[in-house]
Amino acid sequence: MLVAAVTIGIGVVCVYYGARSLRVGRAVRRLRDRDRTGPSHPTDWAGPADGDPIESGATLADRGSLERGVVLLVLGACCLLFGVLAA
C-alpha cells in the first residue's frame, strides 16, 4: 500500500510540472507570434510559420521546455497507472 501511495504521489507531481512546463512554453510562443504578426486581439492566433507549427521559431530553451513537459506527462501517467495497479 505504501508503494502505491508513493507512486501515485510521484505521478501527480510529474503531471503537474509537465502541464506547467507546456503552458509556459505555449504562452511564450503566443507572445512572440503576436509581436511578429501583430494580431488585433491577444487570442487571435496567426497561422504557423514555415515548418512544424510547434517548433516554428522556437529557441532551444522552448524546445527543451516542450520536450521536458511531454516527458513529465508521460512519466506521470505511467506512475499513476502503476500506482493504481499496485493498490
PDB file of N, CA and C in Angstrom:
ATOM      1  N   MET A   1       0.822  -1.192   0.000  1.00  0.00           N
ATOM      2  CA  MET A   1       0.000   0.000   0.000  1.00  0.00           C
ATOM      3  C   MET A   1       0.867   1.258   0.000  1.00  0.00           C
ATOM      4  N   LEU A   2       1.972   1.208   0.688  1.00  0.00           N
ATOM      5  CA  LEU A   2       2.877   2.361   0.733  1.00  0.00           C
ATOM      6  C   LEU A   2       3.480   2.626  -0.641  1.00  0.00           C
ATOM      7  N   VAL A   3       3.820   1.557  -1.357  1.00  0.00           N
ATOM      8  CA  VAL A   3       4.389   1.713  -2.700  1.00  0.00           C
ATOM      9  C   VAL A   3       3.376   2.370  -3.633  1.00  0.00           C
ATOM     10  N   ALA A   4       2.112   1.973  -3.531  1.00  0.00           N
ATOM     11  CA  ALA A   4       1.069   2.563  -4.371  1.00  0.00           C
ATOM     12  C   ALA A   4       0.894   4.047  -4.059  1.00  0.00           C
ATOM     13  N   ALA A   5       0.916   4.407  -2.785  1.00  0.00           N
ATOM     14  CA  ALA A   5       0.745   5.812  -2.401  1.00  0.00           C
ATOM     15  C   ALA A   5       1.905   6.666  -2.892  1.00  0.00           C
ATOM     16  N   VAL A   6       3.118   6.159  -2.754  1.00  0.00           N
ATOM     17  CA  VAL A   6       4.295   6.918  -3.207  1.00  0.00           C
ATOM     18  C   VAL A   6       4.280   7.055  -4.728  1.00  0.00           C
ATOM     19  N   THR A   7       3.928   5.993  -5.422  1.00  0.00           N
ATOM     20  CA  THR A   7       3.894   6.028  -6.886  1.00  0.00           C
ATOM     21  C   THR A   7       2.827   6.994  -7.386  1.00  0.00           C
ATOM     22  N   ILE A   8       1.669   6.992  -6.774  1.00  0.00           N
ATOM     23  CA  ILE A   8       0.609   7.919  -7.159  1.00  0.00           C
ATOM     24  C   ILE A   8       1.036   9.355  -6.862  1.00  0.00           C
ATOM     25  N   GLY A   9       1.681   9.581  -5.733  1.00  0.00           N
ATOM     26  CA  GLY A   9       2.166  10.920  -5.398  1.00  0.00           C
ATOM     27  C   GLY A   9       3.189  11.428  -6.408  1.00  0.00           C
ATOM     28  N   ILE A  10       4.113  10.570  -6.786  1.00  0.00           N
ATOM     29  CA  ILE A  10       5.120  10.959  -7.788  1.00  0.00           C
ATOM     30  C   ILE A  10       4.442  11.222  -9.132  1.00  0.00           C
ATOM     31  N   GLY A  11       3.456  10.423  -9.484  1.00  0.00           N
ATOM     32  CA  GLY A  11       2.731  10.623 -10.737  1.00  0.00           C
ATOM     33  C   GLY A  11       1.999  11.951 -10.777  1.00  0.00           C
ATOM     34  N   VAL A  12       1.367  12.324  -9.673  1.00  0.00           N
ATOM     35  CA  VAL A  12       0.658  13.608  -9.610  1.00  0.00           C
ATOM     36  C   VAL A  12       1.638  14.771  -9.748  1.00  0.00           C
ATOM     37  N   VAL A  13       2.775  14.686  -9.077  1.00  0.00           N
ATOM     38  CA  VAL A  13       3.783  15.753  -9.168  1.00  0.00           C
ATOM     39  C   VAL A  13       4.326  15.863 -10.592  1.00  0.00           C
ATOM     40  N   CYS A  14       4.592  14.740 -11.235  1.00  0.00           N
ATOM     41  CA  CYS A  14       5.102  14.755 -12.619  1.00  0.00           C
ATOM     42  C   CYS A  14       4.079  15.356 -13.580  1.00  0.00           C
ATOM     43  N   VAL A  15       2.822  14.989 -13.426  1.00  0.00           N
ATOM     44  CA  VAL A  15       1.781  15.540 -14.300  1.00  0.00           C
ATOM     45  C   VAL A  15       1.651  17.045 -14.079  1.00  0.00           C
ATOM     46  N   TYR A  16       1.708  17.492 -12.834  1.00  0.00           N
ATOM     47  CA  TYR A  16       1.599  18.922 -12.536  1.00  0.00           C
ATOM     48  C   TYR A  16       2.732  19.707 -13.193  1.00  0.00           C
ATOM     49  N   TYR A  17       3.965  19.273 -12.985  1.00  0.00           N
ATOM     50  CA  TYR A  17       5.095  20.005 -13.549  1.00  0.00           C
ATOM     51  C   TYR A  17       5.161  19.889 -15.071  1.00  0.00           C
ATOM     52  N   GLY A  18       4.720  18.773 -15.629  1.00  0.00           N
ATOM     53  CA  GLY A  18       4.678  18.639 -17.080  1.00  0.00           C
ATOM     54  C   GLY A  18       3.673  19.582 -17.704  1.00  0.00           C
ATOM     55  N   ALA A  19       2.488  19.664 -17.115  1.00  0.00           N
ATOM     56  CA  ALA A  19       1.470  20.580 -17.624  1.00  0.00           C
ATOM     57  C   ALA A  19       1.909  22.030 -17.459  1.00  0.00           C
ATOM     58  N   ARG A  20       2.556  22.312 -16.366  1.00  0.00           N
ATOM     59  CA  ARG A  20       3.051  23.668 -16.123  1.00  0.00           C
ATOM     60  C   ARG A  20       4.129  24.049 -17.139  1.00  0.00           C
ATOM     61  N   SER A  21       4.993  23.128 -17.465  1.00  0.00           N
ATOM     62  CA  SER A  21       6.051  23.383 -18.439  1.00  0.00           C
ATOM     63  C   SER A  21       5.469  23.642 -19.821  1.00  0.00           C
ATOM     64  N   LEU A  22       4.483  22.883 -20.210  1.00  0.00           N
ATOM     65  CA  LEU A  22       3.876  23.075 -21.520  1.00  0.00           C
ATOM     66  C   LEU A  22       3.110  24.392 -21.602  1.00  0.00           C
ATOM     67  N   ARG A  23       2.464  24.783 -20.537  1.00  0.00           N
ATOM     68  CA  ARG A  23       1.694  26.022 -20.527  1.00  0.00           C
ATOM     69  C   ARG A  23       2.597  27.233 -20.669  1.00  0.00           C
ATOM     70  N   VAL A  24       3.732  27.242 -20.010  1.00  0.00           N
ATOM     71  CA  VAL A  24       4.666  28.362 -20.086  1.00  0.00           C
ATOM     72  C   VAL A  24       5.238  28.472 -21.493  1.00  0.00           C
ATOM     73  N   GLY A  25       5.622  27.367 -22.081  1.00  0.00           N
ATOM     74  CA  GLY A  25       6.166  27.395 -23.433  1.00  0.00           C
ATOM     75  C   GLY A  25       5.153  27.903 -24.444  1.00  0.00           C
ATOM     76  N   ARG A  26       3.896  27.508 -24.286  1.00  0.00           N
ATOM     77  CA  ARG A  26       2.846  27.948 -25.194  1.00  0.00           C
ATOM     78  C   ARG A  26       2.607  29.445 -25.068  1.00  0.00           C
ATOM     79  N   ALA A  27       2.631  29.950 -23.851  1.00  0.00           N
ATOM     80  CA  ALA A  27       2.416  31.381 -23.645  1.00  0.00           C
ATOM     81  C   ALA A  27       3.543  32.214 -24.248  1.00  0.00           C
ATOM     82  N   VAL A  28       4.780  31.745 -24.119  1.00  0.00           N
ATOM     83  CA  VAL A  28       5.916  32.471 -24.692  1.00  0.00           C
ATOM     84  C   VAL A  28       5.813  32.491 -26.211  1.00  0.00           C
ATOM     85  N   ARG A  29       5.455  31.373 -26.813  1.00  0.00           N
ATOM     86  CA  ARG A  29       5.304  31.338 -28.264  1.00  0.00           C
ATOM     87  C   ARG A  29       4.175  32.241 -28.725  1.00  0.00           C
ATOM     88  N   ARG A  30       3.085  32.284 -27.964  1.00  0.00           N
ATOM     89  CA  ARG A  30       1.959  33.139 -28.343  1.00  0.00           C
ATOM     90  C   ARG A  30       2.366  34.604 -28.298  1.00  0.00           C
ATOM     91  N   LEU A  31       3.099  35.009 -27.279  1.00  0.00           N
ATOM     92  CA  LEU A  31       3.560  36.392 -27.207  1.00  0.00           C
ATOM     93  C   LEU A  31       4.534  36.722 -28.331  1.00  0.00           C
ATOM     94  N   ARG A  32       5.415  35.805 -28.646  1.00  0.00           N
ATOM     95  CA  ARG A  32       6.389  36.033 -29.709  1.00  0.00           C
ATOM     96  C   ARG A  32       5.678  36.160 -31.058  1.00  0.00           C
ATOM     97  N   ASP A  33       4.690  35.304 -31.319  1.00  0.00           N
ATOM     98  CA  ASP A  33       3.949  35.378 -32.576  1.00  0.00           C
ATOM     99  C   ASP A  33       3.142  36.668 -32.670  1.00  0.00           C
ATOM    100  N   ARG A  34       2.615  37.127 -31.559  1.00  0.00           N
ATOM    101  CA  ARG A  34       1.845  38.374 -31.566  1.00  0.00           C
ATOM    102  C   ARG A  34       2.740  39.551 -31.912  1.00  0.00           C
ATOM    103  N   ASP A  35       3.979  39.540 -31.426  1.00  0.00           N
ATOM    104  CA  ASP A  35       4.902  40.629 -31.729  1.00  0.00           C
ATOM    105  C   ASP A  35       5.305  40.617 -33.202  1.00  0.00           C
ATOM    106  N   ARG A  36       5.402  39.469 -33.802  1.00  0.00           N
ATOM    107  CA  ARG A  36       5.818  39.376 -35.208  1.00  0.00           C
ATOM    108  C   ARG A  36       4.710  39.809 -36.159  1.00  0.00           C
ATOM    109  N   THR A  37       3.508  39.272 -35.948  1.00  0.00           N
ATOM    110  CA  THR A  37       2.436  39.500 -36.904  1.00  0.00           C
ATOM    111  C   THR A  37       1.497  40.614 -36.489  1.00  0.00           C
ATOM    112  N   GLY A  38       1.415  40.909 -35.196  1.00  0.00           N
ATOM    113  CA  GLY A  38       0.563  41.984 -34.711  1.00  0.00           C
ATOM    114  C   GLY A  38      -0.914  41.736 -34.880  1.00  0.00           C
ATOM    115  N   PRO A  39      -1.475  40.648 -34.334  1.00  0.00           N
ATOM    116  CA  PRO A  39      -2.916  40.442 -34.451  1.00  0.00           C
ATOM    117  C   PRO A  39      -3.676  41.500 -33.654  1.00  0.00           C
ATOM    118  N   SER A  40      -4.931  41.662 -33.965  1.00  0.00           N
ATOM    119  CA  SER A  40      -5.724  42.707 -33.334  1.00  0.00           C
ATOM    120  C   SER A  40      -6.092  42.379 -31.892  1.00  0.00           C
ATOM    121  N   HIS A  41      -6.135  41.119 -31.559  1.00  0.00           N
ATOM    122  CA  HIS A  41      -6.525  40.709 -30.210  1.00  0.00           C
ATOM    123  C   HIS A  41      -5.565  39.627 -29.739  1.00  0.00           C
ATOM    124  N   PRO A  42      -5.217  39.587 -28.426  1.00  0.00           N
ATOM    125  CA  PRO A  42      -4.238  38.589 -27.961  1.00  0.00           C
ATOM    126  C   PRO A  42      -4.641  37.144 -28.212  1.00  0.00           C
ATOM    127  N   THR A  43      -5.938  36.875 -28.350  1.00  0.00           N
ATOM    128  CA  THR A  43      -6.348  35.492 -28.588  1.00  0.00           C
ATOM    129  C   THR A  43      -6.373  35.141 -30.060  1.00  0.00           C
ATOM    130  N   ASP A  44      -6.139  36.126 -30.953  1.00  0.00           N
ATOM    131  CA  ASP A  44      -6.057  35.831 -32.384  1.00  0.00           C
ATOM    132  C   ASP A  44      -4.720  35.171 -32.666  1.00  0.00           C
ATOM    133  N   TRP A  45      -4.763  33.971 -33.163  1.00  0.00           N
ATOM    134  CA  TRP A  45      -3.539  33.230 -33.433  1.00  0.00           C
ATOM    135  C   TRP A  45      -3.207  33.350 -34.903  1.00  0.00           C
ATOM    136  N   ALA A  46      -2.022  33.760 -35.170  1.00  0.00           N
ATOM    137  CA  ALA A  46      -1.561  33.779 -36.555  1.00  0.00           C
ATOM    138  C   ALA A  46      -1.251  32.361 -36.984  1.00  0.00           C
ATOM    139  N   GLY A  47      -1.328  32.098 -38.258  1.00  0.00           N
ATOM    140  CA  GLY A  47      -1.004  30.770 -38.761  1.00  0.00           C
ATOM    141  C   GLY A  47       0.459  30.457 -38.508  1.00  0.00           C
ATOM    142  N   PRO A  48       0.798  29.179 -38.483  1.00  0.00           N
ATOM    143  CA  PRO A  48       2.182  28.816 -38.205  1.00  0.00           C
ATOM    144  C   PRO A  48       3.105  29.272 -39.327  1.00  0.00           C
ATOM    145  N   ALA A  49       4.315  29.573 -38.965  1.00  0.00           N
ATOM    146  CA  ALA A  49       5.318  29.934 -39.962  1.00  0.00           C
ATOM    147  C   ALA A  49       5.734  28.673 -40.704  1.00  0.00           C
ATOM    148  N   ASP A  50       6.740  28.773 -41.517  1.00  0.00           N
ATOM    149  CA  ASP A  50       7.207  27.609 -42.271  1.00  0.00           C
ATOM    150  C   ASP A  50       7.628  26.502 -41.324  1.00  0.00           C
ATOM    151  N   GLY A  51       7.290  25.285 -41.685  1.00  0.00           N
ATOM    152  CA  GLY A  51       7.729  24.135 -40.887  1.00  0.00           C
ATOM    153  C   GLY A  51       6.684  23.689 -39.893  1.00  0.00           C
ATOM    154  N   ASP A  52       7.144  23.016 -38.886  1.00  0.00           N
ATOM    155  CA  ASP A  52       6.293  22.448 -37.858  1.00  0.00           C
ATOM    156  C   ASP A  52       5.658  23.554 -37.027  1.00  0.00           C
ATOM    157  N   PRO A  53       4.325  23.541 -36.814  1.00  0.00           N
ATOM    158  CA  PRO A  53       3.698  24.613 -36.048  1.00  0.00           C
ATOM    159  C   PRO A  53       4.165  24.682 -34.601  1.00  0.00           C
ATOM    160  N   ILE A  54       4.580  23.567 -34.044  1.00  0.00           N
ATOM    161  CA  ILE A  54       5.032  23.591 -32.655  1.00  0.00           C
ATOM    162  C   ILE A  54       6.436  24.170 -32.560  1.00  0.00           C
ATOM    163  N   GLU A  55       7.279  23.825 -33.512  1.00  0.00           N
ATOM    164  CA  GLU A  55       8.682  24.212 -33.448  1.00  0.00           C
ATOM    165  C   GLU A  55       9.015  25.470 -34.240  1.00  0.00           C
ATOM    166  N   SER A  56       8.032  26.101 -34.895  1.00  0.00           N
ATOM    167  CA  SER A  56       8.351  27.247 -35.727  1.00  0.00           C
ATOM    168  C   SER A  56       8.813  28.414 -34.870  1.00  0.00           C
ATOM    169  N   GLY A  57      10.019  28.862 -35.089  1.00  0.00           N
ATOM    170  CA  GLY A  57      10.554  29.999 -34.363  1.00  0.00           C
ATOM    171  C   GLY A  57      10.922  29.716 -32.919  1.00  0.00           C
ATOM    172  N   ALA A  58      10.876  28.477 -32.505  1.00  0.00           N
ATOM    173  CA  ALA A  58      11.178  28.143 -31.116  1.00  0.00           C
ATOM    174  C   ALA A  58      12.682  28.117 -30.907  1.00  0.00           C
ATOM    175  N   THR A  59      13.098  28.669 -29.796  1.00  0.00           N
ATOM    176  CA  THR A  59      14.511  28.620 -29.453  1.00  0.00           C
ATOM    177  C   THR A  59      14.822  27.277 -28.822  1.00  0.00           C
ATOM    178  N   LEU A  60      16.080  27.066 -28.540  1.00  0.00           N
ATOM    179  CA  LEU A  60      16.485  25.796 -27.925  1.00  0.00           C
ATOM    180  C   LEU A  60      15.832  25.626 -26.556  1.00  0.00           C
ATOM    181  N   ALA A  61      15.703  26.705 -25.797  1.00  0.00           N
ATOM    182  CA  ALA A  61      15.072  26.618 -24.471  1.00  0.00           C
ATOM    183  C   ALA A  61      13.593  26.256 -24.598  1.00  0.00           C
ATOM    184  N   ASP A  62      12.902  26.804 -25.609  1.00  0.00           N
ATOM    185  CA  ASP A  62      11.495  26.469 -25.805  1.00  0.00           C
ATOM    186  C   ASP A  62      11.325  25.000 -26.165  1.00  0.00           C
ATOM    187  N   ARG A  63      12.185  24.499 -27.048  1.00  0.00           N
ATOM    188  CA  ARG A  63      12.102  23.094 -27.429  1.00  0.00           C
ATOM    189  C   ARG A  63      12.382  22.190 -26.238  1.00  0.00           C
ATOM    190  N   GLY A  64      13.338  22.566 -25.402  1.00  0.00           N
ATOM    191  CA  GLY A  64      13.625  21.786 -24.207  1.00  0.00           C
ATOM    192  C   GLY A  64      12.457  21.784 -23.256  1.00  0.00           C
ATOM    193  N   SER A  65      11.778  22.913 -23.143  1.00  0.00           N
ATOM    194  CA  SER A  65      10.613  23.001 -22.275  1.00  0.00           C
ATOM    195  C   SER A  65       9.491  22.111 -22.797  1.00  0.00           C
ATOM    196  N   LEU A  66       9.303  22.106 -24.096  1.00  0.00           N
ATOM    197  CA  LEU A  66       8.276  21.266 -24.697  1.00  0.00           C
ATOM    198  C   LEU A  66       8.589  19.792 -24.479  1.00  0.00           C
ATOM    199  N   GLU A  67       9.824  19.405 -24.745  1.00  0.00           N
ATOM    200  CA  GLU A  67      10.206  18.006 -24.560  1.00  0.00           C
ATOM    201  C   GLU A  67      10.127  17.600 -23.093  1.00  0.00           C
ATOM    202  N   ARG A  68      10.572  18.470 -22.207  1.00  0.00           N
ATOM    203  CA  ARG A  68      10.521  18.169 -20.777  1.00  0.00           C
ATOM    204  C   ARG A  68       9.075  18.007 -20.325  1.00  0.00           C
ATOM    205  N   GLY A  69       8.189  18.867 -20.809  1.00  0.00           N
ATOM    206  CA  GLY A  69       6.781  18.773 -20.432  1.00  0.00           C
ATOM    207  C   GLY A  69       6.139  17.486 -20.897  1.00  0.00           C
ATOM    208  N   VAL A  70       6.422  17.090 -22.129  1.00  0.00           N
ATOM    209  CA  VAL A  70       5.849  15.851 -22.664  1.00  0.00           C
ATOM    210  C   VAL A  70       6.388  14.641 -21.900  1.00  0.00           C
ATOM    211  N   VAL A  71       7.690  14.629 -21.645  1.00  0.00           N
ATOM    212  CA  VAL A  71       8.281  13.501 -20.914  1.00  0.00           C
ATOM    213  C   VAL A  71       7.704  13.415 -19.505  1.00  0.00           C
ATOM    214  N   LEU A  72       7.538  14.549 -18.843  1.00  0.00           N
ATOM    215  CA  LEU A  72       6.963  14.530 -17.496  1.00  0.00           C
ATOM    216  C   LEU A  72       5.513  14.061 -17.510  1.00  0.00           C
ATOM    217  N   LEU A  73       4.751  14.451 -18.517  1.00  0.00           N
ATOM    218  CA  LEU A  73       3.365  13.982 -18.599  1.00  0.00           C
ATOM    219  C   LEU A  73       3.300  12.471 -18.814  1.00  0.00           C
ATOM    220  N   VAL A  74       4.146  11.952 -19.682  1.00  0.00           N
ATOM    221  CA  VAL A  74       4.151  10.503 -19.931  1.00  0.00           C
ATOM    222  C   VAL A  74       4.616   9.748 -18.685  1.00  0.00           C
ATOM    223  N   LEU A  75       5.669  10.240 -18.055  1.00  0.00           N
ATOM    224  CA  LEU A  75       6.155   9.594 -16.835  1.00  0.00           C
ATOM    225  C   LEU A  75       5.101   9.642 -15.729  1.00  0.00           C
ATOM    226  N   GLY A  76       4.435  10.771 -15.596  1.00  0.00           N
ATOM    227  CA  GLY A  76       3.373  10.887 -14.594  1.00  0.00           C
ATOM    228  C   GLY A  76       2.223   9.940 -14.860  1.00  0.00           C
ATOM    229  N   ALA A  77       1.839   9.806 -16.129  1.00  0.00           N
ATOM    230  CA  ALA A  77       0.754   8.889 -16.469  1.00  0.00           C
ATOM    231  C   ALA A  77       1.141   7.443 -16.165  1.00  0.00           C
ATOM    232  N   CYS A  78       2.381   7.083 -16.466  1.00  0.00           N
ATOM    233  CA  CYS A  78       2.849   5.723 -16.157  1.00  0.00           C
ATOM    234  C   CYS A  78       2.873   5.478 -14.652  1.00  0.00           C
ATOM    235  N   CYS A  79       3.349   6.461 -13.897  1.00  0.00           N
ATOM    236  CA  CYS A  79       3.381   6.309 -12.433  1.00  0.00           C
ATOM    237  C   CYS A  79       1.973   6.168 -11.870  1.00  0.00           C
ATOM    238  N   LEU A  80       1.043   6.970 -12.369  1.00  0.00           N
ATOM    239  CA  LEU A  80      -0.341   6.855 -11.892  1.00  0.00           C
ATOM    240  C   LEU A  80      -0.937   5.484 -12.238  1.00  0.00           C
ATOM    241  N   LEU A  81      -0.662   5.005 -13.433  1.00  0.00           N
ATOM    242  CA  LEU A  81      -1.162   3.695 -13.830  1.00  0.00           C
ATOM    243  C   LEU A  81      -0.599   2.594 -12.943  1.00  0.00           C
ATOM    244  N   PHE A  82       0.722   2.597 -12.730  1.00  0.00           N
ATOM    245  CA  PHE A  82       1.326   1.571 -11.880  1.00  0.00           C
ATOM    246  C   PHE A  82       0.895   1.712 -10.430  1.00  0.00           C
ATOM    247  N   GLY A  83       0.669   2.935  -9.982  1.00  0.00           N
ATOM    248  CA  GLY A  83       0.186   3.129  -8.611  1.00  0.00           C
ATOM    249  C   GLY A  83      -1.220   2.568  -8.420  1.00  0.00           C
ATOM    250  N   VAL A  84      -2.077   2.768  -9.402  1.00  0.00           N
ATOM    251  CA  VAL A  84      -3.429   2.217  -9.316  1.00  0.00           C
ATOM    252  C   VAL A  84      -3.396   0.698  -9.396  1.00  0.00           C
ATOM    253  N   LEU A  85      -2.547   0.164 -10.245  1.00  0.00           N
ATOM    254  CA  LEU A  85      -2.450  -1.286 -10.355  1.00  0.00           C
ATOM    255  C   LEU A  85      -1.851  -1.919  -9.091  1.00  0.00           C
ATOM    256  N   ALA A  86      -0.980  -1.191  -8.405  1.00  0.00           N
ATOM    257  CA  ALA A  86      -0.349  -1.724  -7.195  1.00  0.00           C
ATOM    258  C   ALA A  86      -1.297  -1.686  -5.995  1.00  0.00           C
ATOM    259  N   ALA A  87      -2.300  -0.848  -6.057  1.00  0.00           N
ATOM    260  CA  ALA A  87      -3.228  -0.718  -4.909  1.00  0.00           C
ATOM    261  C   ALA A  87      -4.154  -1.882  -4.779  1.00  0.00           C
TER     262      ALA A  87
END
